[in-house]
């Protein structure tokens, strides 16, 4: 059976649609869960990693057989910043391949009619033409500091396309820009760019330090997407997109890392100096997505970087003052 290949889709989620959000306690999954509830979808199913290890194939198949979801959002992944990816490529490749394969295979066995796989903009070549179009996939070498994670995500895209081609199910994939927002991971060893900067500058303010040292030169350019914007895009795509090709999700606007750092410094009230450790890796020199396909469908991001950073800083400070704030945020916001 051949899948429908049109990019249009007009199937709003009914209130009683059962949606399984894999990774519902993470940055993306919790935002998607809140968005679905806000849209009136009452049956949103999730399991924590302690309740369901998605690397355990038998457990995943048993879960799908018992729950029989109508829709799946695959937001679960082993994620980390440039340091974590560089230090542990085996873990990022193995864990993500197992998570994706188990969830996709179990969803296929149950003939789940609608599935959205979330990848990452790191799937694209290091020196892809900017802004990056969906067609840039597999046209060049990957950024070596996170190639293992990227390969796993590329495998997920191909798996979704294969299900469409072989089984005719209208599954789709979306590739978001670098994500941030309330609920992010602020661990010093595994956080991504923005939460790492927020933690670093906030700590400097608390300790009264006059200087902050950041990795790299500060010249690479990055596009940042607030996780609440991504959650809105996920719901929009579930209801409006049915293309064979993965689709980019982002703002289409990039900033230098130095500009992003300055925005964070202003948000936390840091008035000292910033130094750049150029012996540390810069990563990809520029990464901004071409989001014209999504815009043509009728969706665009709405949260400016300055507002999003302030929002995230406020959440981070509240979570430090009240650890219960983290759990409350996952459930409602």
C-alpha atoms as a PDB file:
ATOM      1  CA  UNK A   1       0.000   0.000   0.000  1.00  0.00           C
ATOM      2  CA  UNK A   2       1.285   3.477  -0.844  1.00  0.00           C
ATOM      3  CA  UNK A   3       0.833   6.325   1.622  1.00  0.00           C
ATOM      4  CA  UNK A   4      -1.003   9.498   0.756  1.00  0.00           C
ATOM      5  CA  UNK A   5       1.689  11.953  -0.312  1.00  0.00           C
ATOM      6  CA  UNK A   6      -0.143  15.278  -0.190  1.00  0.00           C
ATOM      7  CA  UNK A   7       1.111  17.847   2.294  1.00  0.00           C
ATOM      8  CA  UNK A   8      -2.384  18.897   3.347  1.00  0.00           C
ATOM      9  CA  UNK A   9      -4.428  17.298   6.091  1.00  0.00           C
ATOM     10  CA  UNK A  10      -7.618  18.455   7.719  1.00  0.00           C
ATOM     11  CA  UNK A  11      -8.376  16.190  10.648  1.00  0.00           C
ATOM     12  CA  UNK A  12      -8.781  18.024  13.964  1.00  0.00           C
ATOM     13  CA  UNK A  13      -8.148  15.883  17.026  1.00  0.00           C
ATOM     14  CA  UNK A  14     -11.410  14.956  18.718  1.00  0.00           C
ATOM     15  CA  UNK A  15     -11.669  15.614  22.451  1.00  0.00           C
ATOM     16  CA  UNK A  16     -11.681  11.865  23.178  1.00  0.00           C
ATOM     17  CA  UNK A  17      -8.688  11.037  20.954  1.00  0.00           C
ATOM     18  CA  UNK A  18      -6.214   8.969  22.972  1.00  0.00           C
ATOM     19  CA  UNK A  19      -2.768  10.511  22.496  1.00  0.00           C
ATOM     20  CA  UNK A  20       0.361   8.864  23.836  1.00  0.00           C
ATOM     21  CA  UNK A  21       3.155  11.382  24.401  1.00  0.00           C
ATOM     22  CA  UNK A  22       6.420   9.451  24.703  1.00  0.00           C
ATOM     23  CA  UNK A  23       8.676  11.508  26.944  1.00  0.00           C
ATOM     24  CA  UNK A  24       5.818  13.405  28.559  1.00  0.00           C
ATOM     25  CA  UNK A  25       7.921  14.554  31.519  1.00  0.00           C
ATOM     26  CA  UNK A  26      10.679  16.101  29.431  1.00  0.00           C
ATOM     27  CA  UNK A  27      11.011  19.620  28.090  1.00  0.00           C
ATOM     28  CA  UNK A  28       9.175  18.877  24.841  1.00  0.00           C
ATOM     29  CA  UNK A  29       6.787  16.197  26.012  1.00  0.00           C
ATOM     30  CA  UNK A  30       5.470  18.206  28.954  1.00  0.00           C
ATOM     31  CA  UNK A  31       4.871  21.214  26.706  1.00  0.00           C
ATOM     32  CA  UNK A  32       3.041  19.053  24.156  1.00  0.00           C
ATOM     33  CA  UNK A  33       0.955  17.486  26.913  1.00  0.00           C
ATOM     34  CA  UNK A  34      -0.078  20.899  28.238  1.00  0.00           C
ATOM     35  CA  UNK A  35      -0.907  22.076  24.726  1.00  0.00           C
ATOM     36  CA  UNK A  36      -3.099  19.051  24.052  1.00  0.00           C
ATOM     37  CA  UNK A  37      -4.962  19.528  27.325  1.00  0.00           C
ATOM     38  CA  UNK A  38      -5.388  23.197  26.497  1.00  0.00           C
ATOM     39  CA  UNK A  39      -6.909  22.219  23.154  1.00  0.00           C
ATOM     40  CA  UNK A  40      -9.492  20.057  24.918  1.00  0.00           C
ATOM     41  CA  UNK A  41      -7.921  16.640  24.336  1.00  0.00           C
ATOM     42  CA  UNK A  42      -8.760  14.765  27.521  1.00  0.00           C
ATOM     43  CA  UNK A  43      -7.090  11.380  26.995  1.00  0.00           C
ATOM     44  CA  UNK A  44      -3.367  12.155  27.010  1.00  0.00           C
ATOM     45  CA  UNK A  45      -1.340   9.147  28.127  1.00  0.00           C
ATOM     46  CA  UNK A  46       2.206   9.246  29.469  1.00  0.00           C
ATOM     47  CA  UNK A  47       4.611   7.047  31.396  1.00  0.00           C
ATOM     48  CA  UNK A  48       7.749   8.106  33.229  1.00  0.00           C
ATOM     49  CA  UNK A  49      10.998   6.261  32.510  1.00  0.00           C
ATOM     50  CA  UNK A  50      10.687   4.479  35.861  1.00  0.00           C
ATOM     51  CA  UNK A  51       7.238   3.216  34.826  1.00  0.00           C
ATOM     52  CA  UNK A  52       8.179   2.321  31.245  1.00  0.00           C
ATOM     53  CA  UNK A  53      11.744   1.986  29.980  1.00  0.00           C
ATOM     54  CA  UNK A  54      11.395   2.638  26.255  1.00  0.00           C
ATOM     55  CA  UNK A  55      14.628   0.752  25.646  1.00  0.00           C
ATOM     56  CA  UNK A  56      12.848  -2.409  26.844  1.00  0.00           C
ATOM     57  CA  UNK A  57      11.200  -3.795  23.719  1.00  0.00           C
ATOM     58  CA  UNK A  58       8.861  -6.258  25.416  1.00  0.00           C
ATOM     59  CA  UNK A  59       7.630  -3.639  27.889  1.00  0.00           C
ATOM     60  CA  UNK A  60       6.946  -1.155  25.097  1.00  0.00           C
ATOM     61  CA  UNK A  61       4.959  -3.685  23.066  1.00  0.00           C
ATOM     62  CA  UNK A  62       2.950  -4.654  26.157  1.00  0.00           C
ATOM     63  CA  UNK A  63       2.190  -0.989  26.846  1.00  0.00           C
ATOM     64  CA  UNK A  64       0.914  -0.357  23.312  1.00  0.00           C
ATOM     65  CA  UNK A  65      -1.182  -3.519  23.358  1.00  0.00           C
ATOM     66  CA  UNK A  66      -2.826  -2.417  26.608  1.00  0.00           C
ATOM     67  CA  UNK A  67      -3.330   1.285  25.819  1.00  0.00           C
ATOM     68  CA  UNK A  68      -4.003   1.192  22.053  1.00  0.00           C
ATOM     69  CA  UNK A  69      -3.449   4.934  21.457  1.00  0.00           C
ATOM     70  CA  UNK A  70      -4.999   6.649  18.446  1.00  0.00           C
ATOM     71  CA  UNK A  71      -2.123   9.117  18.090  1.00  0.00           C
ATOM     72  CA  UNK A  72       1.531   9.009  19.168  1.00  0.00           C
ATOM     73  CA  UNK A  73       3.922  11.919  19.641  1.00  0.00           C
ATOM     74  CA  UNK A  74       7.444  10.511  19.912  1.00  0.00           C
ATOM     75  CA  UNK A  75       9.257  13.150  21.952  1.00  0.00           C
ATOM     76  CA  UNK A  76      11.319  10.773  24.084  1.00  0.00           C
ATOM     77  CA  UNK A  77      15.066  10.849  23.532  1.00  0.00           C
ATOM     78  CA  UNK A  78      18.420  10.806  25.250  1.00  0.00           C
ATOM     79  CA  UNK A  79      19.562  14.403  24.818  1.00  0.00           C
ATOM     80  CA  UNK A  80      22.465  16.574  25.902  1.00  0.00           C
ATOM     81  CA  UNK A  81      24.674  19.478  24.957  1.00  0.00           C
ATOM     82  CA  UNK A  82      27.833  19.525  22.888  1.00  0.00           C
ATOM     83  CA  UNK A  83      30.001  18.240  25.753  1.00  0.00           C
ATOM     84  CA  UNK A  84      27.744  15.309  26.590  1.00  0.00           C
ATOM     85  CA  UNK A  85      27.337  14.317  22.940  1.00  0.00           C
ATOM     86  CA  UNK A  86      31.082  14.439  22.340  1.00  0.00           C
ATOM     87  CA  UNK A  87      31.886  12.439  25.485  1.00  0.00           C
ATOM     88  CA  UNK A  88      29.252   9.701  25.122  1.00  0.00           C
ATOM     89  CA  UNK A  89      28.447   9.041  21.451  1.00  0.00           C
ATOM     90  CA  UNK A  90      27.775   5.332  22.046  1.00  0.00           C
ATOM     91  CA  UNK A  91      25.052   6.078  24.578  1.00  0.00           C
ATOM     92  CA  UNK A  92      23.404   8.715  22.411  1.00  0.00           C
ATOM     93  CA  UNK A  93      23.371   6.404  19.397  1.00  0.00           C
ATOM     94  CA  UNK A  94      22.341   3.179  21.137  1.00  0.00           C
ATOM     95  CA  UNK A  95      19.695   4.553  23.486  1.00  0.00           C
ATOM     96  CA  UNK A  96      17.990   6.689  20.849  1.00  0.00           C
ATOM     97  CA  UNK A  97      17.948   3.925  18.255  1.00  0.00           C
ATOM     98  CA  UNK A  98      16.378   1.533  20.749  1.00  0.00           C
ATOM     99  CA  UNK A  99      13.792   4.058  21.955  1.00  0.00           C
ATOM    100  CA  UNK A 100      12.747   4.955  18.426  1.00  0.00           C
ATOM    101  CA  UNK A 101      12.706   1.409  17.047  1.00  0.00           C
ATOM    102  CA  UNK A 102      10.703   0.041  19.943  1.00  0.00           C
ATOM    103  CA  UNK A 103       8.081   2.797  19.906  1.00  0.00           C
ATOM    104  CA  UNK A 104       7.709   2.838  16.113  1.00  0.00           C
ATOM    105  CA  UNK A 105       7.523  -0.948  15.816  1.00  0.00           C
ATOM    106  CA  UNK A 106       4.979  -1.219  18.624  1.00  0.00           C
ATOM    107  CA  UNK A 107       2.891   1.587  17.077  1.00  0.00           C
ATOM    108  CA  UNK A 108       3.003  -0.208  13.745  1.00  0.00           C
ATOM    109  CA  UNK A 109       1.891  -3.483  15.297  1.00  0.00           C
ATOM    110  CA  UNK A 110      -1.157  -1.668  16.719  1.00  0.00           C
ATOM    111  CA  UNK A 111      -1.730   0.173  13.422  1.00  0.00           C
ATOM    112  CA  UNK A 112      -1.610   3.557  15.141  1.00  0.00           C
ATOM    113  CA  UNK A 113      -3.180   5.840  12.571  1.00  0.00           C
ATOM    114  CA  UNK A 114      -1.334   9.063  13.358  1.00  0.00           C
ATOM    115  CA  UNK A 115       2.232   9.435  14.636  1.00  0.00           C
ATOM    116  CA  UNK A 116       4.577  12.418  14.793  1.00  0.00           C
ATOM    117  CA  UNK A 117       8.291  11.773  15.263  1.00  0.00           C
ATOM    118  CA  UNK A 118      10.329  14.665  16.631  1.00  0.00           C
ATOM    119  CA  UNK A 119      13.938  14.903  15.552  1.00  0.00           C
ATOM    120  CA  UNK A 120      16.453  17.717  15.688  1.00  0.00           C
ATOM    121  CA  UNK A 121      18.050  20.272  13.392  1.00  0.00           C
ATOM    122  CA  UNK A 122      21.402  18.557  14.019  1.00  0.00           C
ATOM    123  CA  UNK A 123      20.407  16.026  11.324  1.00  0.00           C
ATOM    124  CA  UNK A 124      21.647  18.449   8.683  1.00  0.00           C
ATOM    125  CA  UNK A 125      25.210  18.668   7.322  1.00  0.00           C
ATOM    126  CA  UNK A 126      27.655  20.865   9.222  1.00  0.00           C
ATOM    127  CA  UNK A 127      28.146  23.120   6.203  1.00  0.00           C
ATOM    128  CA  UNK A 128      24.626  23.002   4.786  1.00  0.00           C
ATOM    129  CA  UNK A 129      23.531  26.027   2.789  1.00  0.00           C
ATOM    130  CA  UNK A 130      21.715  28.485   5.049  1.00  0.00           C
ATOM    131  CA  UNK A 131      18.842  28.747   5.816  1.00  0.00           C
ATOM    132  CA  UNK A 132      18.621  24.963   5.794  1.00  0.00           C
ATOM    133  CA  UNK A 133      15.859  23.402   3.699  1.00  0.00           C
ATOM    134  CA  UNK A 134      14.465  19.935   4.284  1.00  0.00           C
ATOM    135  CA  UNK A 135      16.166  18.771   1.071  1.00  0.00           C
ATOM    136  CA  UNK A 136      19.621  19.321   2.646  1.00  0.00           C
ATOM    137  CA  UNK A 137      19.320  16.043   4.557  1.00  0.00           C
ATOM    138  CA  UNK A 138      22.144  13.579   3.717  1.00  0.00           C
ATOM    139  CA  UNK A 139      23.889  15.968   1.352  1.00  0.00           C
ATOM    140  CA  UNK A 140      27.090  16.360   3.386  1.00  0.00           C
ATOM    141  CA  UNK A 141      29.091  15.462   6.481  1.00  0.00           C
ATOM    142  CA  UNK A 142      27.564  15.965   9.910  1.00  0.00           C
ATOM    143  CA  UNK A 143      28.960  18.037  12.766  1.00  0.00           C
ATOM    144  CA  UNK A 144      31.323  15.492  14.424  1.00  0.00           C
ATOM    145  CA  UNK A 145      30.572  16.572  18.001  1.00  0.00           C
ATOM    146  CA  UNK A 146      27.003  15.224  17.779  1.00  0.00           C
ATOM    147  CA  UNK A 147      27.033  12.908  14.761  1.00  0.00           C
ATOM    148  CA  UNK A 148      25.936   9.841  16.754  1.00  0.00           C
ATOM    149  CA  UNK A 149      22.783  11.575  17.991  1.00  0.00           C
ATOM    150  CA  UNK A 150      22.127  12.956  14.509  1.00  0.00           C
ATOM    151  CA  UNK A 151      22.448   9.523  12.891  1.00  0.00           C
ATOM    152  CA  UNK A 152      19.869   8.135  15.322  1.00  0.00           C
ATOM    153  CA  UNK A 153      17.433  10.920  14.444  1.00  0.00           C
ATOM    154  CA  UNK A 154      18.006  10.415  10.716  1.00  0.00           C
ATOM    155  CA  UNK A 155      17.190   6.745  11.223  1.00  0.00           C
ATOM    156  CA  UNK A 156      13.898   7.805  12.821  1.00  0.00           C
ATOM    157  CA  UNK A 157      12.996   9.935   9.805  1.00  0.00           C
ATOM    158  CA  UNK A 158      13.719   7.056   7.435  1.00  0.00           C
ATOM    159  CA  UNK A 159      11.701   4.685   9.618  1.00  0.00           C
ATOM    160  CA  UNK A 160       8.660   6.973   9.455  1.00  0.00           C
ATOM    161  CA  UNK A 161       9.002   7.356   5.690  1.00  0.00           C
ATOM    162  CA  UNK A 162       9.315   3.576   5.340  1.00  0.00           C
ATOM    163  CA  UNK A 163       6.101   2.992   7.270  1.00  0.00           C
ATOM    164  CA  UNK A 164       4.303   5.453   5.031  1.00  0.00           C
ATOM    165  CA  UNK A 165       5.645   3.776   1.913  1.00  0.00           C
ATOM    166  CA  UNK A 166       5.154   0.152   2.954  1.00  0.00           C
ATOM    167  CA  UNK A 167       2.077   0.301   5.184  1.00  0.00           C
ATOM    168  CA  UNK A 168       0.219   3.419   4.072  1.00  0.00           C
ATOM    169  CA  UNK A 169      -0.042   4.990   7.522  1.00  0.00           C
ATOM    170  CA  UNK A 170      -0.013   8.816   7.558  1.00  0.00           C
ATOM    171  CA  UNK A 171       2.955   9.202   9.919  1.00  0.00           C
ATOM    172  CA  UNK A 172       5.026  12.389   9.855  1.00  0.00           C
ATOM    173  CA  UNK A 173       8.302  13.815  11.172  1.00  0.00           C
ATOM    174  CA  UNK A 174       9.195  17.305  12.386  1.00  0.00           C
ATOM    175  CA  UNK A 175      12.665  18.763  12.921  1.00  0.00           C
ATOM    176  CA  UNK A 176      12.719  21.629  15.432  1.00  0.00           C
ATOM    177  CA  UNK A 177      15.430  24.244  15.842  1.00  0.00           C
ATOM    178  CA  UNK A 178      17.407  24.406  19.103  1.00  0.00           C
ATOM    179  CA  UNK A 179      14.819  24.323  21.856  1.00  0.00           C
ATOM    180  CA  UNK A 180      14.620  26.119  25.179  1.00  0.00           C
ATOM    181  CA  UNK A 181      12.079  27.143  27.756  1.00  0.00           C
ATOM    182  CA  UNK A 182      10.653  26.470  31.208  1.00  0.00           C
ATOM    183  CA  UNK A 183      11.307  22.884  32.238  1.00  0.00           C
ATOM    184  CA  UNK A 184      14.663  22.722  30.471  1.00  0.00           C
ATOM    185  CA  UNK A 185      17.663  20.726  31.702  1.00  0.00           C
ATOM    186  CA  UNK A 186      20.062  22.980  33.599  1.00  0.00           C
ATOM    187  CA  UNK A 187      22.561  20.291  34.587  1.00  0.00           C
ATOM    188  CA  UNK A 188      26.114  21.678  34.152  1.00  0.00           C
ATOM    189  CA  UNK A 189      27.337  18.504  32.430  1.00  0.00           C
ATOM    190  CA  UNK A 190      24.513  17.814  29.971  1.00  0.00           C
ATOM    191  CA  UNK A 191      22.568  21.022  29.310  1.00  0.00           C
ATOM    192  CA  UNK A 192      22.187  22.686  25.936  1.00  0.00           C
ATOM    193  CA  UNK A 193      23.280  26.200  24.996  1.00  0.00           C
ATOM    194  CA  UNK A 194      20.623  28.442  26.527  1.00  0.00           C
ATOM    195  CA  UNK A 195      20.074  26.679  29.887  1.00  0.00           C
ATOM    196  CA  UNK A 196      23.850  26.383  30.276  1.00  0.00           C
ATOM    197  CA  UNK A 197      24.189  30.132  29.765  1.00  0.00           C
ATOM    198  CA  UNK A 198      21.336  30.881  32.177  1.00  0.00           C
ATOM    199  CA  UNK A 199      22.893  28.732  34.878  1.00  0.00           C
ATOM    200  CA  UNK A 200      26.364  30.196  34.320  1.00  0.00           C
ATOM    201  CA  UNK A 201      25.299  33.833  34.402  1.00  0.00           C
ATOM    202  CA  UNK A 202      22.868  33.316  37.274  1.00  0.00           C
ATOM    203  CA  UNK A 203      25.593  31.625  39.322  1.00  0.00           C
ATOM    204  CA  UNK A 204      27.940  34.510  38.590  1.00  0.00           C
ATOM    205  CA  UNK A 205      25.369  37.015  39.860  1.00  0.00           C
ATOM    206  CA  UNK A 206      24.740  34.981  43.016  1.00  0.00           C
ATOM    207  CA  UNK A 207      28.467  34.637  43.722  1.00  0.00           C
ATOM    208  CA  UNK A 208      29.269  38.241  42.822  1.00  0.00           C
ATOM    209  CA  UNK A 209      31.762  37.169  40.140  1.00  0.00           C
ATOM    210  CA  UNK A 210      32.929  39.907  37.786  1.00  0.00           C
ATOM    211  CA  UNK A 211      33.594  37.612  34.795  1.00  0.00           C
ATOM    212  CA  UNK A 212      31.977  34.688  32.974  1.00  0.00           C
ATOM    213  CA  UNK A 213      33.832  32.364  30.603  1.00  0.00           C
ATOM    214  CA  UNK A 214      31.881  30.756  27.732  1.00  0.00           C
ATOM    215  CA  UNK A 215      32.967  28.034  25.313  1.00  0.00           C
ATOM    216  CA  UNK A 216      34.146  28.866  21.804  1.00  0.00           C
ATOM    217  CA  UNK A 217      34.425  32.191  20.042  1.00  0.00           C
ATOM    218  CA  UNK A 218      30.832  33.385  20.360  1.00  0.00           C
ATOM    219  CA  UNK A 219      30.600  33.915  16.594  1.00  0.00           C
ATOM    220  CA  UNK A 220      28.546  30.844  15.517  1.00  0.00           C
ATOM    221  CA  UNK A 221      24.910  31.624  14.852  1.00  0.00           C
ATOM    222  CA  UNK A 222      22.013  29.687  16.348  1.00  0.00           C
ATOM    223  CA  UNK A 223      18.259  29.704  15.948  1.00  0.00           C
ATOM    224  CA  UNK A 224      16.348  29.175  19.187  1.00  0.00           C
ATOM    225  CA  UNK A 225      12.730  28.014  19.415  1.00  0.00           C
ATOM    226  CA  UNK A 226      10.648  28.300  22.577  1.00  0.00           C
ATOM    227  CA  UNK A 227       9.237  24.928  23.537  1.00  0.00           C
ATOM    228  CA  UNK A 228       5.704  26.324  23.802  1.00  0.00           C
ATOM    229  CA  UNK A 229       5.958  27.384  20.162  1.00  0.00           C
ATOM    230  CA  UNK A 230       7.058  23.863  19.261  1.00  0.00           C
ATOM    231  CA  UNK A 231       4.121  22.386  21.162  1.00  0.00           C
ATOM    232  CA  UNK A 232       1.755  24.626  19.204  1.00  0.00           C
ATOM    233  CA  UNK A 233       3.420  23.480  15.970  1.00  0.00           C
ATOM    234  CA  UNK A 234       3.068  19.817  16.947  1.00  0.00           C
ATOM    235  CA  UNK A 235      -0.689  20.157  17.369  1.00  0.00           C
ATOM    236  CA  UNK A 236      -0.904  22.152  14.140  1.00  0.00           C
ATOM    237  CA  UNK A 237       1.027  19.501  12.192  1.00  0.00           C
ATOM    238  CA  UNK A 238      -1.012  16.643  13.624  1.00  0.00           C
ATOM    239  CA  UNK A 239      -4.123  18.360  12.319  1.00  0.00           C
ATOM    240  CA  UNK A 240      -2.817  19.901   9.093  1.00  0.00           C
ATOM    241  CA  UNK A 241       0.182  18.065   7.617  1.00  0.00           C
ATOM    242  CA  UNK A 242       0.548  14.751   5.807  1.00  0.00           C
ATOM    243  CA  UNK A 243       3.722  15.054   3.751  1.00  0.00           C
ATOM    244  CA  UNK A 244       6.194  12.292   2.932  1.00  0.00           C
ATOM    245  CA  UNK A 245       9.072  14.617   3.841  1.00  0.00           C
ATOM    246  CA  UNK A 246      10.036  15.722   7.330  1.00  0.00           C
ATOM    247  CA  UNK A 247       9.232  19.376   8.002  1.00  0.00           C
ATOM    248  CA  UNK A 248      11.303  22.065   9.726  1.00  0.00           C
ATOM    249  CA  UNK A 249       9.938  23.894  12.768  1.00  0.00           C
ATOM    250  CA  UNK A 250      11.601  27.099  13.867  1.00  0.00           C
ATOM    251  CA  UNK A 251      11.543  30.879  13.872  1.00  0.00           C
ATOM    252  CA  UNK A 252      13.702  31.349  10.776  1.00  0.00           C
ATOM    253  CA  UNK A 253      15.742  33.912  12.765  1.00  0.00           C
ATOM    254  CA  UNK A 254      19.244  33.288  14.119  1.00  0.00           C
ATOM    255  CA  UNK A 255      21.584  35.120  16.505  1.00  0.00           C
ATOM    256  CA  UNK A 256      25.271  34.845  17.308  1.00  0.00           C
ATOM    257  CA  UNK A 257      26.035  32.949  20.494  1.00  0.00           C
ATOM    258  CA  UNK A 258      27.562  36.175  21.796  1.00  0.00           C
ATOM    259  CA  UNK A 259      24.227  37.955  21.229  1.00  0.00           C
ATOM    260  CA  UNK A 260      22.364  35.142  22.959  1.00  0.00           C
ATOM    261  CA  UNK A 261      24.768  35.313  25.899  1.00  0.00           C
ATOM    262  CA  UNK A 262      24.232  39.072  26.143  1.00  0.00           C
ATOM    263  CA  UNK A 263      20.452  38.550  26.193  1.00  0.00           C
ATOM    264  CA  UNK A 264      20.823  36.042  29.032  1.00  0.00           C
ATOM    265  CA  UNK A 265      23.188  38.324  30.955  1.00  0.00           C
ATOM    266  CA  UNK A 266      20.677  41.165  30.735  1.00  0.00           C
ATOM    267  CA  UNK A 267      17.824  38.890  31.805  1.00  0.00           C
ATOM    268  CA  UNK A 268      19.587  37.717  34.984  1.00  0.00           C
ATOM    269  CA  UNK A 269      21.103  41.121  35.787  1.00  0.00           C
ATOM    270  CA  UNK A 270      24.763  40.285  35.153  1.00  0.00           C
ATOM    271  CA  UNK A 271      26.803  43.464  34.589  1.00  0.00           C
ATOM    272  CA  UNK A 272      30.315  41.996  34.477  1.00  0.00           C
ATOM    273  CA  UNK A 273      32.562  40.940  31.601  1.00  0.00           C
ATOM    274  CA  UNK A 274      32.288  37.892  29.331  1.00  0.00           C
ATOM    275  CA  UNK A 275      35.367  36.031  28.091  1.00  0.00           C
ATOM    276  CA  UNK A 276      35.438  33.389  25.359  1.00  0.00           C
ATOM    277  CA  UNK A 277      37.532  30.216  25.582  1.00  0.00           C
ATOM    278  CA  UNK A 278      38.488  29.729  21.945  1.00  0.00           C
ATOM    279  CA  UNK A 279      40.244  26.438  22.738  1.00  0.00           C
ATOM    280  CA  UNK A 280      36.782  24.948  23.228  1.00  0.00           C
ATOM    281  CA  UNK A 281      34.779  23.774  20.171  1.00  0.00           C
ATOM    282  CA  UNK A 282      32.395  26.109  18.392  1.00  0.00           C
ATOM    283  CA  UNK A 283      30.333  23.387  16.741  1.00  0.00           C
ATOM    284  CA  UNK A 284      28.456  24.150  13.535  1.00  0.00           C
ATOM    285  CA  UNK A 285      29.267  27.707  12.357  1.00  0.00           C
ATOM    286  CA  UNK A 286      25.675  28.581  11.529  1.00  0.00           C
ATOM    287  CA  UNK A 287      22.385  26.781  11.860  1.00  0.00           C
ATOM    288  CA  UNK A 288      19.090  28.398  10.927  1.00  0.00           C
ATOM    289  CA  UNK A 289      16.179  26.541   9.397  1.00  0.00           C
ATOM    290  CA  UNK A 290      14.225  27.452   6.313  1.00  0.00           C
ATOM    291  CA  UNK A 291      10.652  27.308   7.637  1.00  0.00           C
ATOM    292  CA  UNK A 292       8.884  28.369   4.451  1.00  0.00           C
ATOM    293  CA  UNK A 293       7.060  25.045   4.040  1.00  0.00           C
ATOM    294  CA  UNK A 294       5.524  25.347   7.490  1.00  0.00           C
ATOM    295  CA  UNK A 295       4.674  29.008   6.862  1.00  0.00           C
ATOM    296  CA  UNK A 296       2.902  28.045   3.641  1.00  0.00           C
ATOM    297  CA  UNK A 297       0.746  25.662   5.664  1.00  0.00           C
ATOM    298  CA  UNK A 298      -0.238  28.575   7.893  1.00  0.00           C
ATOM    299  CA  UNK A 299       1.905  28.355  11.041  1.00  0.00           C
ATOM    300  CA  UNK A 300       4.685  30.525  12.443  1.00  0.00           C
ATOM    301  CA  UNK A 301       6.379  30.977  15.822  1.00  0.00           C
ATOM    302  CA  UNK A 302       5.131  33.802  18.032  1.00  0.00           C
ATOM    303  CA  UNK A 303       7.495  34.032  21.039  1.00  0.00           C
ATOM    304  CA  UNK A 304      10.420  36.499  20.603  1.00  0.00           C
ATOM    305  CA  UNK A 305      13.796  35.418  22.004  1.00  0.00           C
ATOM    306  CA  UNK A 306      13.940  38.227  24.592  1.00  0.00           C
ATOM    307  CA  UNK A 307      10.525  37.283  25.993  1.00  0.00           C
ATOM    308  CA  UNK A 308      11.336  33.581  25.928  1.00  0.00           C
ATOM    309  CA  UNK A 309      14.626  34.074  27.763  1.00  0.00           C
ATOM    310  CA  UNK A 310      12.938  36.128  30.485  1.00  0.00           C
ATOM    311  CA  UNK A 311      10.278  33.433  30.803  1.00  0.00           C
ATOM    312  CA  UNK A 312      12.921  30.715  31.141  1.00  0.00           C
ATOM    313  CA  UNK A 313      15.028  32.681  33.624  1.00  0.00           C
ATOM    314  CA  UNK A 314      11.952  33.242  35.788  1.00  0.00           C
ATOM    315  CA  UNK A 315      11.182  29.520  35.751  1.00  0.00           C
ATOM    316  CA  UNK A 316      14.782  28.614  36.591  1.00  0.00           C
ATOM    317  CA  UNK A 317      14.883  30.969  39.545  1.00  0.00           C
ATOM    318  CA  UNK A 318      11.514  29.748  40.834  1.00  0.00           C
ATOM    319  CA  UNK A 319      12.601  26.113  40.503  1.00  0.00           C
ATOM    320  CA  UNK A 320      15.712  26.791  42.567  1.00  0.00           C
ATOM    321  CA  UNK A 321      13.669  28.486  45.278  1.00  0.00           C
ATOM    322  CA  UNK A 322      10.918  25.827  45.236  1.00  0.00           C
ATOM    323  CA  UNK A 323      11.774  22.343  43.876  1.00  0.00           C
ATOM    324  CA  UNK A 324       8.072  21.460  43.813  1.00  0.00           C
ATOM    325  CA  UNK A 325       7.675  24.137  41.135  1.00  0.00           C
ATOM    326  CA  UNK A 326       9.338  21.758  38.663  1.00  0.00           C
ATOM    327  CA  UNK A 327       6.734  19.043  39.166  1.00  0.00           C
ATOM    328  CA  UNK A 328       3.845  21.501  39.114  1.00  0.00           C
ATOM    329  CA  UNK A 329       5.084  22.987  35.852  1.00  0.00           C
ATOM    330  CA  UNK A 330       5.093  19.611  34.114  1.00  0.00           C
ATOM    331  CA  UNK A 331       1.396  19.246  34.775  1.00  0.00           C
ATOM    332  CA  UNK A 332       0.108  22.715  34.033  1.00  0.00           C
ATOM    333  CA  UNK A 333       1.324  26.091  32.955  1.00  0.00           C
END
